Amino acid sequence: MPERRSDERFATVLEGRIAGANGQAPIECFVRDLSRSGVRLVIDGSADIPVEFELQIPDAGAAAMTRLVWTDGTHYGAQFTG
């Protein structure tokens, strides 16, 4: 199957956080793939992930606004929006 992504992906093993909205606690996640345009996250257990959220990667001192694009219930693909 041909590659549909426009940006090269890099495999990572970073701890991340999906910032909680409206006072909700952040959701812990792992950043497994990272590119200029998006990210693949892995979350242990079930979680109610918002369509738009701030992804924080504390060890890298990074944060970015993202939009959820797909999920299979454990893996979540998101596109950077800002």
Protein backbone atom coordinates (compact mmCIF):
# COMPACT_ATOMS: atom_id res chain seq x y z
CA MET A 1 0.00 0.00 0.00
CA PRO A 2 1.46 3.40 -0.92
CA GLU A 3 2.32 5.87 1.82
CA ARG A 4 -0.37 8.60 2.07
CA ARG A 5 1.42 10.87 4.52
CA SER A 6 3.01 14.03 3.22
CA ASP A 7 5.54 14.35 6.09
CA GLU A 8 8.11 11.82 7.23
CA ARG A 9 7.21 10.03 10.49
CA PHE A 10 9.66 9.41 13.31
CA ALA A 11 9.13 6.61 15.82
CA THR A 12 9.23 7.95 19.38
CA VAL A 13 8.67 6.79 22.92
CA LEU A 14 7.71 9.99 24.72
CA GLU A 15 5.30 10.52 27.58
CA GLY A 16 2.54 12.96 26.75
CA ARG A 17 -0.56 14.53 28.22
CA ILE A 18 -3.84 15.47 26.65
CA ALA A 19 -4.80 18.65 28.48
CA GLY A 20 -8.16 18.38 30.19
CA ALA A 21 -10.91 20.72 29.10
CA ASN A 22 -13.26 22.47 31.52
CA GLY A 23 -11.28 21.47 34.59
CA GLN A 24 -10.98 17.77 33.67
CA ALA A 25 -7.81 15.97 34.66
CA PRO A 26 -5.21 15.51 31.90
CA ILE A 27 -5.13 12.14 30.12
CA GLU A 28 -1.73 10.42 30.15
CA CYS A 29 -0.57 9.01 26.81
CA PHE A 30 2.48 7.86 24.88
CA VAL A 31 3.65 9.59 21.70
CA ARG A 32 4.64 6.75 19.33
CA ASP A 33 4.96 8.48 15.95
CA LEU A 34 5.67 12.13 15.32
CA SER A 35 5.87 14.22 12.15
CA ARG A 36 5.70 17.90 11.28
CA SER A 37 1.97 17.62 10.68
CA GLY A 38 0.74 15.11 13.25
CA VAL A 39 1.16 12.45 15.85
CA ARG A 40 0.07 8.94 16.83
CA LEU A 41 -0.80 8.53 20.50
CA VAL A 42 -1.30 5.38 22.55
CA ILE A 43 -3.54 5.44 25.62
CA ASP A 44 -3.81 2.60 28.14
CA GLY A 45 -7.42 1.84 28.94
CA SER A 46 -10.45 3.69 27.69
CA ALA A 47 -10.58 7.45 27.54
CA ASP A 48 -12.94 10.10 26.24
CA ILE A 49 -10.62 12.08 23.98
CA PRO A 50 -11.96 15.46 22.79
CA VAL A 51 -11.91 16.25 19.07
CA GLU A 52 -9.65 19.26 19.69
CA PHE A 53 -7.09 19.33 22.49
CA GLU A 54 -3.68 20.57 23.57
CA LEU A 55 -1.04 17.84 23.48
CA GLN A 56 1.72 18.40 26.02
CA ILE A 57 5.09 16.62 25.93
CA PRO A 58 6.71 17.68 29.22
CA ASP A 59 10.15 16.06 28.67
CA ALA A 60 10.52 17.97 25.39
CA GLY A 61 9.05 21.19 26.79
CA ALA A 62 6.54 21.14 23.95
CA ALA A 63 2.82 21.73 23.56
CA ALA A 64 0.64 21.97 20.46
CA MET A 65 -3.02 22.26 19.58
CA THR A 66 -4.27 19.18 17.76
CA ARG A 67 -7.40 17.74 16.14
CA LEU A 68 -8.31 14.07 16.45
CA VAL A 69 -8.43 12.42 13.02
CA TRP A 70 -8.83 8.70 13.73
CA THR A 71 -8.85 6.10 16.51
CA ASP A 72 -9.09 2.35 16.94
CA GLY A 73 -9.80 2.64 20.68
CA THR A 74 -6.15 2.38 21.81
CA HIS A 75 -4.23 4.32 19.13
CA TYR A 76 -5.22 7.89 18.25
CA GLY A 77 -4.09 9.85 15.21
CA ALA A 78 -4.13 13.62 15.48
CA GLN A 79 -3.18 16.50 13.22
CA PHE A 80 -1.44 19.61 14.50
CA THR A 81 -3.62 22.70 14.07
CA GLY A 82 -1.60 25.50 15.54
